[in-house]
C-alpha cells in the first residue's frame, strides 16, 4: 500500500493583487516556477482551458498544480444545475522521494500516485454540495468525505478502484479509476517525472488523453 501525504494547495488564482501585479499573471508565474512539466488534456479537447492553482512547499518550491478544462465548476446545492456542468481538471504532482526542504527547516514527504489521487479526490469534493445538505452542515460533510477520499487514495489496489488505460503523450498508460455520485477520479504516473491525477463531472473519463502543456498562455 502506498502512503499518501496530505499536500496542500496554495496560490489560488482568485487571490487579490499584490504590488500591482494582477492575480492572473502571478498565477502564470507560479506555474512557470515549476521544475517539472505540466500536463493537461491533449489536442483532442477543443473546449475552454483555464489555470487553477499551484501548491508550494514551505520553502516556496512548486510541488503540484491543477489545470481546468470545460466549464469552471461552482459549488451548487441544486443537483440538477451541478449535473449540467461539464469539466475535467488535471492535477500534476512532481514525483519525488522524502527529502529536506531547500531552506533546511523541515522535511517534504515523498509523493506517489496516491498523492495525485488524494489531490484529485479532494478537488472534486471542493466543488460538490449535496442537494440534501444546508450550508451549516456542508463543512461537517466535507470533513467526513475528505477523510474518506484520503483513505481511498491510500488504498489504490482496493475494491473502490478499477483500471483504466488512457494515452499520455500518445502512449497508453494504466490509471487507477473510480466513480461516485459526485463525479470521477483517476490517478497514474508518467515517464516524465510526474504523477497525474484528474477529476471531472459531465465529461466521460474514458475518452480523455493527456499531454505535456507546451503553451501556458492557452490556459491564461
N, C-alpha and C. Protein backbone atom coordinates (compact mmCIF):
# COMPACT_ATOMS: atom_id res chain seq x y z
N UNK A 1 0.84 -1.20 0.00
CA UNK A 1 0.00 0.00 0.00
C UNK A 1 0.87 1.25 0.00
N UNK A 2 0.52 2.21 -0.83
CA UNK A 2 1.29 3.44 -0.87
C UNK A 2 0.82 4.38 0.24
N UNK A 3 1.72 5.19 0.72
CA UNK A 3 1.39 6.15 1.75
C UNK A 3 1.14 7.51 1.14
N UNK A 4 0.01 8.08 1.45
CA UNK A 4 -0.36 9.37 0.90
C UNK A 4 -0.03 10.48 1.88
N UNK A 5 0.56 11.54 1.39
CA UNK A 5 0.79 12.71 2.24
C UNK A 5 -0.28 13.75 1.94
N UNK A 6 -0.71 14.47 2.96
CA UNK A 6 -1.74 15.49 2.76
C UNK A 6 -1.07 16.77 2.27
N UNK A 7 -0.88 16.84 0.98
CA UNK A 7 -0.27 18.02 0.40
C UNK A 7 -1.32 19.11 0.28
N UNK A 8 -0.91 20.34 0.47
CA UNK A 8 -1.84 21.46 0.48
C UNK A 8 -1.70 22.29 -0.79
N UNK A 9 -2.81 22.84 -1.26
CA UNK A 9 -2.80 23.71 -2.43
C UNK A 9 -2.75 25.16 -1.98
N UNK A 10 -1.94 25.95 -2.67
CA UNK A 10 -1.80 27.35 -2.35
C UNK A 10 -1.80 28.16 -3.62
N UNK A 11 -1.59 29.50 -3.46
CA UNK A 11 -1.50 30.40 -4.60
C UNK A 11 -2.74 30.34 -5.48
N UNK A 12 -3.91 30.53 -4.87
CA UNK A 12 -5.14 30.48 -5.64
C UNK A 12 -5.22 31.64 -6.62
N UNK A 13 -5.71 31.41 -7.85
CA UNK A 13 -5.82 32.48 -8.81
C UNK A 13 -6.86 33.50 -8.44
N UNK A 14 -7.72 33.18 -7.47
CA UNK A 14 -8.76 34.12 -7.07
C UNK A 14 -8.26 35.10 -6.01
N UNK A 15 -6.99 34.96 -5.57
CA UNK A 15 -6.46 35.85 -4.56
C UNK A 15 -6.31 37.25 -5.12
N UNK A 16 -6.26 38.25 -4.22
CA UNK A 16 -6.19 39.64 -4.64
C UNK A 16 -4.83 39.98 -5.20
N UNK A 17 -4.73 41.12 -5.86
CA UNK A 17 -3.47 41.54 -6.43
C UNK A 17 -2.51 41.97 -5.34
N UNK A 18 -1.21 41.91 -5.65
CA UNK A 18 -0.19 42.34 -4.71
C UNK A 18 0.89 43.08 -5.48
N UNK A 19 1.33 44.21 -4.94
CA UNK A 19 2.38 45.00 -5.56
C UNK A 19 2.05 45.33 -7.01
N UNK A 20 0.76 45.54 -7.29
CA UNK A 20 0.35 45.96 -8.62
C UNK A 20 0.36 44.88 -9.67
N UNK A 21 0.65 43.66 -9.31
CA UNK A 21 0.68 42.55 -10.27
C UNK A 21 -0.67 41.84 -10.27
N UNK A 22 -1.34 41.75 -11.41
CA UNK A 22 -2.65 41.08 -11.45
C UNK A 22 -2.56 39.65 -10.94
N UNK A 23 -3.64 39.20 -10.28
CA UNK A 23 -3.65 37.85 -9.72
C UNK A 23 -3.45 36.80 -10.80
N UNK A 24 -4.05 37.00 -11.97
CA UNK A 24 -3.91 36.02 -13.06
C UNK A 24 -2.46 35.90 -13.50
N UNK A 25 -1.76 37.03 -13.57
CA UNK A 25 -0.37 37.00 -14.01
C UNK A 25 0.50 36.29 -12.98
N UNK A 26 0.24 36.54 -11.68
CA UNK A 26 1.01 35.88 -10.64
C UNK A 26 0.76 34.37 -10.67
N UNK A 27 -0.44 33.96 -11.07
CA UNK A 27 -0.73 32.54 -11.17
C UNK A 27 0.10 31.90 -12.27
N UNK A 28 0.18 32.53 -13.43
CA UNK A 28 1.00 32.01 -14.51
C UNK A 28 2.45 31.91 -14.05
N UNK A 29 2.92 32.93 -13.34
CA UNK A 29 4.29 32.92 -12.84
C UNK A 29 4.53 31.73 -11.93
N UNK A 30 3.53 31.35 -11.13
CA UNK A 30 3.66 30.19 -10.26
C UNK A 30 3.89 28.93 -11.05
N UNK A 31 3.17 28.77 -12.14
CA UNK A 31 3.36 27.60 -12.99
C UNK A 31 4.73 27.62 -13.65
N UNK A 32 5.18 28.80 -14.03
CA UNK A 32 6.48 28.92 -14.69
C UNK A 32 7.63 28.58 -13.76
N UNK A 33 7.42 28.71 -12.45
CA UNK A 33 8.48 28.40 -11.48
C UNK A 33 8.69 26.90 -11.29
N UNK A 34 7.76 26.10 -11.76
CA UNK A 34 7.85 24.65 -11.52
C UNK A 34 9.01 24.04 -12.30
N UNK A 35 9.79 23.15 -11.67
CA UNK A 35 10.90 22.49 -12.36
C UNK A 35 10.48 21.23 -13.10
N UNK A 36 9.18 21.00 -13.22
CA UNK A 36 8.66 19.79 -13.86
C UNK A 36 7.63 20.19 -14.92
N UNK A 37 7.33 19.30 -15.87
CA UNK A 37 6.35 19.63 -16.92
C UNK A 37 4.92 19.55 -16.40
N UNK A 38 4.07 20.41 -16.93
CA UNK A 38 2.65 20.38 -16.59
C UNK A 38 1.89 19.54 -17.62
N UNK A 39 0.85 18.87 -17.15
CA UNK A 39 0.02 18.08 -18.04
C UNK A 39 -1.41 18.62 -18.08
N UNK A 40 -2.01 18.53 -19.26
CA UNK A 40 -3.40 18.88 -19.45
C UNK A 40 -4.02 17.89 -20.42
N UNK A 41 -5.24 18.13 -20.82
CA UNK A 41 -5.86 17.28 -21.84
C UNK A 41 -5.16 17.53 -23.18
N UNK A 42 -5.08 16.49 -24.01
CA UNK A 42 -4.38 16.62 -25.28
C UNK A 42 -5.21 17.42 -26.29
N UNK A 43 -4.70 17.52 -27.52
CA UNK A 43 -5.32 18.38 -28.52
C UNK A 43 -6.69 17.91 -28.97
N UNK A 44 -7.08 16.70 -28.61
CA UNK A 44 -8.42 16.23 -28.96
C UNK A 44 -9.50 17.04 -28.25
N UNK A 45 -9.14 17.66 -27.11
CA UNK A 45 -10.09 18.52 -26.41
C UNK A 45 -9.98 19.92 -26.98
N UNK A 46 -11.10 20.46 -27.45
CA UNK A 46 -11.09 21.77 -28.11
C UNK A 46 -11.85 22.84 -27.34
N UNK A 47 -12.27 22.54 -26.12
CA UNK A 47 -13.03 23.50 -25.33
C UNK A 47 -12.15 24.46 -24.55
N UNK A 48 -12.76 25.24 -23.66
CA UNK A 48 -12.02 26.22 -22.86
C UNK A 48 -11.01 25.54 -21.92
N UNK A 49 -9.90 26.24 -21.69
CA UNK A 49 -8.86 25.80 -20.76
C UNK A 49 -8.57 26.94 -19.81
N UNK A 50 -8.29 26.63 -18.52
CA UNK A 50 -8.04 27.68 -17.55
C UNK A 50 -7.14 27.18 -16.43
N UNK A 51 -6.30 28.08 -15.94
CA UNK A 51 -5.42 27.77 -14.81
C UNK A 51 -6.21 27.80 -13.52
N UNK A 52 -5.80 26.98 -12.56
CA UNK A 52 -6.47 26.96 -11.27
C UNK A 52 -5.55 27.43 -10.15
N UNK A 53 -4.68 26.56 -9.67
CA UNK A 53 -3.79 26.95 -8.58
C UNK A 53 -2.60 26.03 -8.52
N UNK A 54 -1.52 26.54 -7.91
CA UNK A 54 -0.35 25.71 -7.65
C UNK A 54 -0.20 25.53 -6.16
N UNK A 55 0.45 24.44 -5.77
CA UNK A 55 0.73 24.16 -4.36
C UNK A 55 2.23 24.24 -4.13
N UNK A 56 2.62 24.92 -3.07
CA UNK A 56 4.04 25.11 -2.79
C UNK A 56 4.42 24.53 -1.44
N UNK A 57 5.70 24.20 -1.29
CA UNK A 57 6.24 23.73 -0.02
C UNK A 57 6.61 24.94 0.83
N UNK A 58 7.05 24.68 2.06
CA UNK A 58 7.39 25.76 2.98
C UNK A 58 8.50 26.65 2.44
N UNK A 59 9.37 26.09 1.61
CA UNK A 59 10.47 26.89 1.06
C UNK A 59 10.08 27.60 -0.23
N UNK A 60 8.80 27.51 -0.60
CA UNK A 60 8.32 28.22 -1.78
C UNK A 60 8.43 27.45 -3.08
N UNK A 61 9.00 26.26 -3.07
CA UNK A 61 9.13 25.48 -4.29
C UNK A 61 7.77 24.91 -4.70
N UNK A 62 7.50 24.92 -5.99
CA UNK A 62 6.22 24.44 -6.51
C UNK A 62 6.22 22.91 -6.52
N UNK A 63 5.18 22.33 -5.94
CA UNK A 63 5.09 20.87 -5.82
C UNK A 63 4.01 20.25 -6.70
N UNK A 64 2.95 20.99 -6.95
CA UNK A 64 1.85 20.46 -7.75
C UNK A 64 0.97 21.61 -8.21
N UNK A 65 0.05 21.31 -9.12
CA UNK A 65 -0.88 22.32 -9.59
C UNK A 65 -1.97 21.70 -10.43
N UNK A 66 -3.01 22.48 -10.71
CA UNK A 66 -4.17 21.98 -11.43
C UNK A 66 -4.50 22.86 -12.62
N UNK A 67 -5.04 22.23 -13.67
CA UNK A 67 -5.48 22.93 -14.87
C UNK A 67 -6.87 22.46 -15.25
N UNK A 68 -7.75 23.41 -15.53
CA UNK A 68 -9.13 23.08 -15.81
C UNK A 68 -9.46 23.05 -17.29
N UNK A 69 -10.48 22.27 -17.61
CA UNK A 69 -10.94 22.11 -18.99
C UNK A 69 -12.46 22.05 -18.99
N UNK A 70 -13.09 22.82 -19.89
CA UNK A 70 -14.54 22.82 -19.96
C UNK A 70 -15.12 23.98 -19.19
N UNK A 71 -16.21 23.73 -18.49
CA UNK A 71 -16.88 24.77 -17.72
C UNK A 71 -16.29 24.82 -16.31
N UNK A 72 -16.00 26.03 -15.83
CA UNK A 72 -15.46 26.15 -14.48
C UNK A 72 -16.52 25.69 -13.48
N UNK A 73 -16.20 24.69 -12.64
CA UNK A 73 -17.20 24.18 -11.68
C UNK A 73 -17.48 25.19 -10.58
N UNK A 74 -18.68 25.17 -10.10
CA UNK A 74 -19.07 26.03 -8.99
C UNK A 74 -19.81 25.18 -7.98
N UNK A 75 -19.74 25.57 -6.71
CA UNK A 75 -20.44 24.82 -5.66
C UNK A 75 -21.91 25.17 -5.73
N UNK A 76 -22.74 24.18 -5.99
CA UNK A 76 -24.17 24.40 -6.11
C UNK A 76 -24.93 23.38 -5.29
N UNK A 77 -25.94 23.86 -4.58
CA UNK A 77 -26.78 22.93 -3.83
C UNK A 77 -27.87 22.33 -4.71
N UNK A 78 -28.05 22.91 -5.89
CA UNK A 78 -29.02 22.39 -6.84
C UNK A 78 -28.38 21.28 -7.66
N UNK A 79 -28.75 20.05 -7.36
CA UNK A 79 -28.12 18.90 -8.02
C UNK A 79 -28.32 18.93 -9.52
N UNK A 80 -29.50 19.40 -9.96
CA UNK A 80 -29.78 19.45 -11.40
C UNK A 80 -28.82 20.39 -12.11
N UNK A 81 -28.55 21.54 -11.50
CA UNK A 81 -27.62 22.50 -12.08
C UNK A 81 -26.21 21.95 -12.11
N UNK A 82 -25.81 21.27 -11.04
CA UNK A 82 -24.46 20.71 -10.97
C UNK A 82 -24.25 19.65 -12.03
N UNK A 83 -25.30 18.86 -12.30
CA UNK A 83 -25.17 17.79 -13.27
C UNK A 83 -24.95 18.32 -14.68
N UNK A 84 -25.33 19.56 -14.93
CA UNK A 84 -25.17 20.15 -16.25
C UNK A 84 -23.74 20.61 -16.49
N UNK A 85 -22.95 20.74 -15.45
CA UNK A 85 -21.57 21.16 -15.62
C UNK A 85 -20.76 20.07 -16.30
N UNK A 86 -19.90 20.48 -17.21
CA UNK A 86 -19.03 19.54 -17.92
C UNK A 86 -17.60 20.03 -17.78
N UNK A 87 -16.82 19.37 -16.98
CA UNK A 87 -15.45 19.80 -16.77
C UNK A 87 -14.55 18.63 -16.43
N UNK A 88 -13.26 18.82 -16.67
CA UNK A 88 -12.24 17.87 -16.25
C UNK A 88 -11.03 18.68 -15.78
N UNK A 89 -10.54 18.35 -14.62
CA UNK A 89 -9.39 19.03 -14.05
C UNK A 89 -8.22 18.05 -13.99
N UNK A 90 -7.06 18.47 -14.49
CA UNK A 90 -5.87 17.64 -14.48
C UNK A 90 -4.90 18.17 -13.43
N UNK A 91 -4.48 17.29 -12.53
CA UNK A 91 -3.55 17.65 -11.46
C UNK A 91 -2.18 17.04 -11.77
N UNK A 92 -1.15 17.86 -11.79
CA UNK A 92 0.22 17.38 -11.99
C UNK A 92 0.97 17.46 -10.67
N UNK A 93 1.58 16.35 -10.27
CA UNK A 93 2.32 16.28 -9.00
C UNK A 93 3.76 15.85 -9.29
N UNK A 94 4.72 16.62 -8.83
CA UNK A 94 6.12 16.26 -9.03
C UNK A 94 6.43 14.97 -8.28
N UNK A 95 7.05 14.02 -8.97
CA UNK A 95 7.45 12.77 -8.34
C UNK A 95 8.75 12.98 -7.59
N UNK A 96 8.75 12.70 -6.30
CA UNK A 96 9.96 12.94 -5.51
C UNK A 96 9.98 12.06 -4.27
N UNK A 97 11.17 11.69 -3.79
CA UNK A 97 11.30 10.92 -2.55
C UNK A 97 11.18 11.86 -1.35
N UNK A 98 11.12 11.29 -0.17
CA UNK A 98 11.15 12.12 1.02
C UNK A 98 12.49 12.86 1.07
N UNK A 99 12.44 14.16 1.35
CA UNK A 99 13.66 14.95 1.32
C UNK A 99 13.52 16.17 2.21
N UNK A 100 14.64 16.80 2.52
CA UNK A 100 14.64 18.03 3.30
C UNK A 100 14.26 19.21 2.42
N UNK A 101 13.60 20.20 3.01
CA UNK A 101 13.27 21.40 2.28
C UNK A 101 14.54 22.16 1.93
N UNK A 102 14.43 23.01 0.92
CA UNK A 102 15.59 23.75 0.47
C UNK A 102 16.18 24.67 1.52
N UNK A 103 15.32 25.18 2.43
CA UNK A 103 15.83 26.08 3.46
C UNK A 103 16.24 25.34 4.73
N UNK A 104 16.13 24.01 4.70
CA UNK A 104 16.56 23.21 5.85
C UNK A 104 15.65 23.27 7.05
N UNK A 105 14.43 23.79 6.89
CA UNK A 105 13.54 23.95 8.03
C UNK A 105 12.61 22.77 8.26
N UNK A 106 12.59 21.81 7.35
CA UNK A 106 11.68 20.69 7.54
C UNK A 106 11.93 19.60 6.52
N UNK A 107 10.96 18.68 6.45
CA UNK A 107 11.07 17.53 5.56
C UNK A 107 9.83 17.48 4.67
N UNK A 108 10.03 17.24 3.38
CA UNK A 108 8.93 17.06 2.45
C UNK A 108 8.65 15.58 2.28
N UNK A 109 7.38 15.20 2.44
CA UNK A 109 7.01 13.80 2.26
C UNK A 109 7.21 13.37 0.81
N UNK A 110 7.43 12.08 0.63
CA UNK A 110 7.52 11.54 -0.72
C UNK A 110 6.17 11.70 -1.42
N UNK A 111 6.20 11.92 -2.72
CA UNK A 111 4.96 11.99 -3.49
C UNK A 111 4.85 10.74 -4.35
N UNK A 112 3.64 10.19 -4.43
CA UNK A 112 3.37 8.96 -5.15
C UNK A 112 2.09 9.13 -5.97
N UNK A 113 1.68 8.07 -6.64
CA UNK A 113 0.40 8.09 -7.35
C UNK A 113 -0.73 8.37 -6.37
N UNK A 114 -0.59 7.88 -5.15
CA UNK A 114 -1.61 8.13 -4.13
C UNK A 114 -1.75 9.62 -3.83
N UNK A 115 -0.63 10.35 -3.89
CA UNK A 115 -0.69 11.80 -3.68
C UNK A 115 -1.56 12.45 -4.74
N UNK A 116 -1.40 12.01 -5.99
CA UNK A 116 -2.21 12.56 -7.08
C UNK A 116 -3.67 12.18 -6.90
N UNK A 117 -3.93 10.95 -6.45
CA UNK A 117 -5.30 10.50 -6.23
C UNK A 117 -5.96 11.30 -5.12
N UNK A 118 -5.20 11.61 -4.08
CA UNK A 118 -5.73 12.38 -2.96
C UNK A 118 -6.07 13.80 -3.39
N UNK A 119 -5.18 14.45 -4.13
CA UNK A 119 -5.44 15.81 -4.59
C UNK A 119 -6.65 15.86 -5.52
N UNK A 120 -6.76 14.85 -6.40
CA UNK A 120 -7.90 14.81 -7.31
C UNK A 120 -9.20 14.56 -6.54
N UNK A 121 -9.17 13.64 -5.60
CA UNK A 121 -10.37 13.34 -4.83
C UNK A 121 -10.85 14.52 -4.01
N UNK A 122 -9.92 15.20 -3.36
CA UNK A 122 -10.30 16.36 -2.55
C UNK A 122 -10.73 17.52 -3.43
N UNK A 123 -10.13 17.62 -4.64
CA UNK A 123 -10.54 18.67 -5.56
C UNK A 123 -11.97 18.51 -6.02
N UNK A 124 -12.38 17.27 -6.29
CA UNK A 124 -13.76 17.03 -6.69
C UNK A 124 -14.72 17.38 -5.57
N UNK A 125 -14.35 17.03 -4.35
CA UNK A 125 -15.22 17.34 -3.21
C UNK A 125 -15.38 18.84 -3.01
N UNK A 126 -14.33 19.60 -3.32
CA UNK A 126 -14.36 21.05 -3.09
C UNK A 126 -15.42 21.74 -3.95
N UNK A 127 -15.82 21.12 -5.06
CA UNK A 127 -16.84 21.72 -5.91
C UNK A 127 -18.14 20.92 -5.87
N UNK A 128 -18.37 20.25 -4.74
CA UNK A 128 -19.56 19.42 -4.57
C UNK A 128 -20.36 19.87 -3.37
N UNK A 129 -21.65 19.91 -3.53
CA UNK A 129 -22.53 20.27 -2.43
C UNK A 129 -23.82 19.47 -2.57
N UNK A 130 -23.97 18.35 -1.85
CA UNK A 130 -25.17 17.53 -1.96
C UNK A 130 -26.44 18.35 -1.72
N UNK A 131 -27.42 18.14 -2.55
CA UNK A 131 -28.64 18.94 -2.50
C UNK A 131 -29.37 18.83 -1.17
N UNK A 132 -29.19 17.69 -0.47
CA UNK A 132 -29.94 17.49 0.76
C UNK A 132 -29.32 18.20 1.96
N UNK A 133 -28.15 18.81 1.78
CA UNK A 133 -27.47 19.48 2.88
C UNK A 133 -27.69 20.98 2.83
N UNK A 134 -27.88 21.58 4.02
CA UNK A 134 -27.91 23.04 4.05
C UNK A 134 -26.49 23.55 4.33
N UNK A 135 -26.33 24.83 4.27
CA UNK A 135 -25.00 25.44 4.35
C UNK A 135 -24.30 25.10 5.66
N UNK A 136 -25.04 25.03 6.75
CA UNK A 136 -24.43 24.82 8.07
C UNK A 136 -23.87 23.42 8.23
N UNK A 137 -24.34 22.48 7.43
CA UNK A 137 -23.88 21.10 7.55
C UNK A 137 -22.79 20.75 6.54
N UNK A 138 -22.55 21.64 5.56
CA UNK A 138 -21.61 21.27 4.49
C UNK A 138 -20.19 21.07 5.02
N UNK A 139 -19.75 21.90 5.96
CA UNK A 139 -18.38 21.76 6.47
C UNK A 139 -18.17 20.40 7.12
N UNK A 140 -19.16 19.96 7.91
CA UNK A 140 -19.04 18.64 8.54
C UNK A 140 -19.02 17.54 7.48
N UNK A 141 -19.89 17.67 6.48
CA UNK A 141 -19.92 16.69 5.39
C UNK A 141 -18.59 16.67 4.66
N UNK A 142 -18.03 17.87 4.38
CA UNK A 142 -16.79 17.96 3.64
C UNK A 142 -15.64 17.33 4.41
N UNK A 143 -15.59 17.56 5.71
CA UNK A 143 -14.53 16.96 6.53
C UNK A 143 -14.61 15.43 6.48
N UNK A 144 -15.83 14.93 6.61
CA UNK A 144 -16.01 13.47 6.60
C UNK A 144 -15.64 12.87 5.25
N UNK A 145 -16.10 13.49 4.17
CA UNK A 145 -15.83 12.96 2.84
C UNK A 145 -14.36 13.11 2.45
N UNK A 146 -13.73 14.18 2.93
CA UNK A 146 -12.31 14.37 2.64
C UNK A 146 -11.47 13.29 3.30
N UNK A 147 -11.84 12.90 4.50
CA UNK A 147 -11.14 11.82 5.18
C UNK A 147 -11.32 10.51 4.43
N UNK A 148 -12.53 10.29 3.91
CA UNK A 148 -12.79 9.10 3.12
C UNK A 148 -11.95 9.11 1.84
N UNK A 149 -11.85 10.28 1.20
CA UNK A 149 -11.04 10.39 -0.02
C UNK A 149 -9.57 10.09 0.26
N UNK A 150 -9.11 10.51 1.42
CA UNK A 150 -7.72 10.25 1.81
C UNK A 150 -7.49 8.74 1.99
N UNK A 151 -8.43 8.08 2.65
CA UNK A 151 -8.31 6.64 2.87
C UNK A 151 -8.37 5.88 1.55
N UNK A 152 -9.24 6.31 0.65
CA UNK A 152 -9.34 5.64 -0.66
C UNK A 152 -8.05 5.82 -1.46
N UNK A 153 -7.47 7.02 -1.40
CA UNK A 153 -6.23 7.28 -2.13
C UNK A 153 -5.08 6.45 -1.58
N UNK A 154 -5.17 6.08 -0.33
CA UNK A 154 -4.10 5.30 0.30
C UNK A 154 -4.24 3.81 0.02
N UNK A 155 -5.28 3.42 -0.71
CA UNK A 155 -5.52 2.01 -1.00
C UNK A 155 -5.94 1.84 -2.45
N UNK A 156 -5.02 2.15 -3.36
CA UNK A 156 -5.34 2.14 -4.78
C UNK A 156 -5.57 0.74 -5.34
N UNK A 157 -5.19 -0.28 -4.59
CA UNK A 157 -5.44 -1.65 -5.03
C UNK A 157 -6.75 -2.19 -4.45
N UNK A 158 -7.47 -1.36 -3.71
CA UNK A 158 -8.70 -1.78 -3.08
C UNK A 158 -9.87 -1.87 -4.05
N UNK A 159 -11.01 -2.36 -3.57
CA UNK A 159 -12.17 -2.61 -4.44
C UNK A 159 -12.82 -1.34 -4.98
N UNK A 160 -12.51 -0.18 -4.41
CA UNK A 160 -13.14 1.06 -4.89
C UNK A 160 -12.57 1.50 -6.23
N UNK A 161 -11.40 0.93 -6.62
CA UNK A 161 -10.72 1.37 -7.81
C UNK A 161 -10.74 0.28 -8.89
N UNK A 162 -10.80 0.71 -10.13
CA UNK A 162 -10.64 -0.18 -11.28
C UNK A 162 -9.50 0.37 -12.12
N UNK A 163 -9.11 -0.36 -13.16
CA UNK A 163 -8.02 0.10 -14.01
C UNK A 163 -8.57 0.63 -15.33
N UNK A 164 -8.01 1.75 -15.76
CA UNK A 164 -8.43 2.38 -17.00
C UNK A 164 -7.16 2.81 -17.75
N UNK A 165 -7.03 2.40 -18.99
CA UNK A 165 -5.87 2.75 -19.80
C UNK A 165 -6.18 3.98 -20.65
N UNK A 166 -5.37 5.03 -20.52
CA UNK A 166 -5.56 6.26 -21.28
C UNK A 166 -4.23 6.71 -21.86
N UNK A 167 -4.25 7.39 -23.00
CA UNK A 167 -2.99 7.84 -23.61
C UNK A 167 -2.37 9.03 -22.86
N UNK A 168 -1.07 8.94 -22.64
CA UNK A 168 -0.28 10.04 -22.09
C UNK A 168 0.85 10.30 -23.08
N UNK A 169 0.84 11.46 -23.67
CA UNK A 169 1.80 11.77 -24.74
C UNK A 169 1.76 10.70 -25.83
N UNK A 170 0.55 10.19 -26.11
CA UNK A 170 0.34 9.23 -27.17
C UNK A 170 0.62 7.79 -26.82
N UNK A 171 1.04 7.51 -25.57
CA UNK A 171 1.37 6.15 -25.14
C UNK A 171 0.35 5.68 -24.11
N UNK A 172 -0.26 4.52 -24.26
CA UNK A 172 -1.24 4.02 -23.29
C UNK A 172 -0.60 3.85 -21.90
N UNK A 173 -1.28 4.37 -20.89
CA UNK A 173 -0.78 4.31 -19.51
C UNK A 173 -1.91 3.82 -18.62
N UNK A 174 -1.64 2.89 -17.70
CA UNK A 174 -2.70 2.43 -16.78
C UNK A 174 -2.97 3.45 -15.69
N UNK A 175 -4.23 3.70 -15.43
CA UNK A 175 -4.65 4.61 -14.37
C UNK A 175 -5.55 3.87 -13.39
N UNK A 176 -5.51 4.30 -12.14
CA UNK A 176 -6.49 3.88 -11.14
C UNK A 176 -7.70 4.80 -11.30
N UNK A 177 -8.90 4.21 -11.33
CA UNK A 177 -10.09 4.98 -11.65
C UNK A 177 -11.24 4.60 -10.72
N UNK A 178 -11.99 5.60 -10.29
CA UNK A 178 -13.20 5.32 -9.50
C UNK A 178 -14.26 6.37 -9.80
N UNK A 179 -15.50 5.98 -9.63
CA UNK A 179 -16.64 6.87 -9.83
C UNK A 179 -17.42 7.01 -8.53
N UNK A 180 -18.10 8.13 -8.38
CA UNK A 180 -19.00 8.34 -7.26
C UNK A 180 -20.19 9.13 -7.77
N UNK A 181 -21.13 9.39 -6.89
CA UNK A 181 -22.30 10.18 -7.31
C UNK A 181 -21.93 11.62 -7.64
N UNK A 182 -20.72 12.04 -7.26
CA UNK A 182 -20.31 13.42 -7.47
C UNK A 182 -19.45 13.60 -8.72
N UNK A 183 -18.95 12.51 -9.28
CA UNK A 183 -18.07 12.60 -10.44
C UNK A 183 -17.08 11.45 -10.44
N UNK A 184 -15.98 11.61 -11.17
CA UNK A 184 -14.98 10.55 -11.24
C UNK A 184 -13.60 11.09 -10.86
N UNK A 185 -12.73 10.16 -10.47
CA UNK A 185 -11.36 10.49 -10.07
C UNK A 185 -10.45 9.43 -10.68
N UNK A 186 -9.28 9.84 -11.16
CA UNK A 186 -8.29 8.88 -11.62
C UNK A 186 -6.89 9.36 -11.28
N UNK A 187 -5.93 8.44 -11.29
CA UNK A 187 -4.54 8.78 -10.97
C UNK A 187 -3.60 7.76 -11.60
N UNK A 188 -2.45 8.24 -12.06
CA UNK A 188 -1.44 7.37 -12.65
C UNK A 188 -0.11 8.10 -12.72
N UNK A 189 0.88 7.45 -13.29
CA UNK A 189 2.21 8.03 -13.39
C UNK A 189 2.64 8.15 -14.85
N UNK A 190 3.48 9.13 -15.11
CA UNK A 190 4.05 9.29 -16.45
C UNK A 190 5.51 8.85 -16.40
N UNK A 191 6.14 8.78 -17.55
CA UNK A 191 7.57 8.52 -17.58
C UNK A 191 8.35 9.81 -17.61
N UNK A 192 7.70 10.89 -17.17
CA UNK A 192 8.27 12.23 -17.29
C UNK A 192 8.52 12.89 -15.94
N UNK A 193 8.62 12.06 -14.90
CA UNK A 193 8.95 12.59 -13.58
C UNK A 193 7.79 13.19 -12.81
N UNK A 194 6.56 12.92 -13.24
CA UNK A 194 5.40 13.44 -12.52
C UNK A 194 4.31 12.37 -12.43
N UNK A 195 3.41 12.57 -11.49
CA UNK A 195 2.19 11.78 -11.39
C UNK A 195 1.04 12.66 -11.87
N UNK A 196 0.03 12.02 -12.45
CA UNK A 196 -1.15 12.73 -12.93
C UNK A 196 -2.36 12.28 -12.14
N UNK A 197 -3.12 13.24 -11.66
CA UNK A 197 -4.43 12.99 -11.09
C UNK A 197 -5.44 13.75 -11.93
N UNK A 198 -6.68 13.33 -11.93
CA UNK A 198 -7.70 14.06 -12.66
C UNK A 198 -9.05 13.79 -12.02
N UNK A 199 -9.94 14.76 -12.15
CA UNK A 199 -11.32 14.56 -11.69
C UNK A 199 -12.24 15.35 -12.60
N UNK A 200 -13.49 14.94 -12.65
CA UNK A 200 -14.41 15.64 -13.51
C UNK A 200 -15.85 15.23 -13.30
N UNK A 201 -16.71 15.90 -14.05
CA UNK A 201 -18.14 15.63 -13.97
C UNK A 201 -18.75 16.06 -15.31
N UNK A 202 -19.62 15.26 -15.84
CA UNK A 202 -20.29 15.61 -17.08
C UNK A 202 -19.49 15.28 -18.33
N UNK A 203 -18.20 15.00 -18.18
CA UNK A 203 -17.34 14.57 -19.28
C UNK A 203 -16.85 13.17 -18.96
N UNK A 204 -16.98 12.25 -19.90
CA UNK A 204 -16.54 10.89 -19.65
C UNK A 204 -15.02 10.81 -19.58
N UNK A 205 -14.52 10.10 -18.59
CA UNK A 205 -13.07 9.93 -18.46
C UNK A 205 -12.53 8.97 -19.52
N UNK A 206 -13.40 8.14 -20.07
CA UNK A 206 -12.95 7.07 -20.96
C UNK A 206 -12.39 7.59 -22.29
N UNK A 207 -12.77 8.79 -22.67
CA UNK A 207 -12.29 9.31 -23.94
C UNK A 207 -11.18 10.34 -23.81
N UNK A 208 -10.62 10.49 -22.61
CA UNK A 208 -9.62 11.52 -22.39
C UNK A 208 -8.21 11.06 -22.76
N UNK A 209 -7.37 12.02 -23.07
CA UNK A 209 -5.95 11.77 -23.28
C UNK A 209 -5.18 12.94 -22.68
N UNK A 210 -3.95 12.70 -22.25
CA UNK A 210 -3.16 13.73 -21.59
C UNK A 210 -1.87 13.99 -22.36
N UNK A 211 -1.38 15.21 -22.27
CA UNK A 211 -0.11 15.54 -22.91
C UNK A 211 0.53 16.71 -22.18
N UNK A 212 1.83 16.87 -22.38
CA UNK A 212 2.54 17.98 -21.77
C UNK A 212 2.02 19.30 -22.33
N UNK A 213 1.80 20.26 -21.45
CA UNK A 213 1.34 21.59 -21.87
C UNK A 213 2.53 22.33 -22.48
N UNK A 214 2.42 22.67 -23.74
CA UNK A 214 3.51 23.36 -24.44
C UNK A 214 3.38 24.87 -24.31
N UNK A 215 2.17 25.37 -24.13
CA UNK A 215 1.94 26.81 -24.08
C UNK A 215 0.97 27.15 -22.95
N UNK A 216 1.50 27.70 -21.86
CA UNK A 216 0.64 28.06 -20.73
C UNK A 216 -0.34 29.17 -21.07
N UNK A 217 -0.02 29.96 -22.09
CA UNK A 217 -0.92 31.04 -22.47
C UNK A 217 -2.26 30.52 -22.95
N UNK A 218 -2.31 29.25 -23.39
CA UNK A 218 -3.58 28.66 -23.81
C UNK A 218 -4.52 28.51 -22.63
N UNK A 219 -3.98 28.56 -21.41
CA UNK A 219 -4.78 28.41 -20.20
C UNK A 219 -4.99 29.74 -19.48
N UNK A 220 -4.19 30.74 -19.78
CA UNK A 220 -4.23 32.00 -19.03
C UNK A 220 -5.42 32.87 -19.46
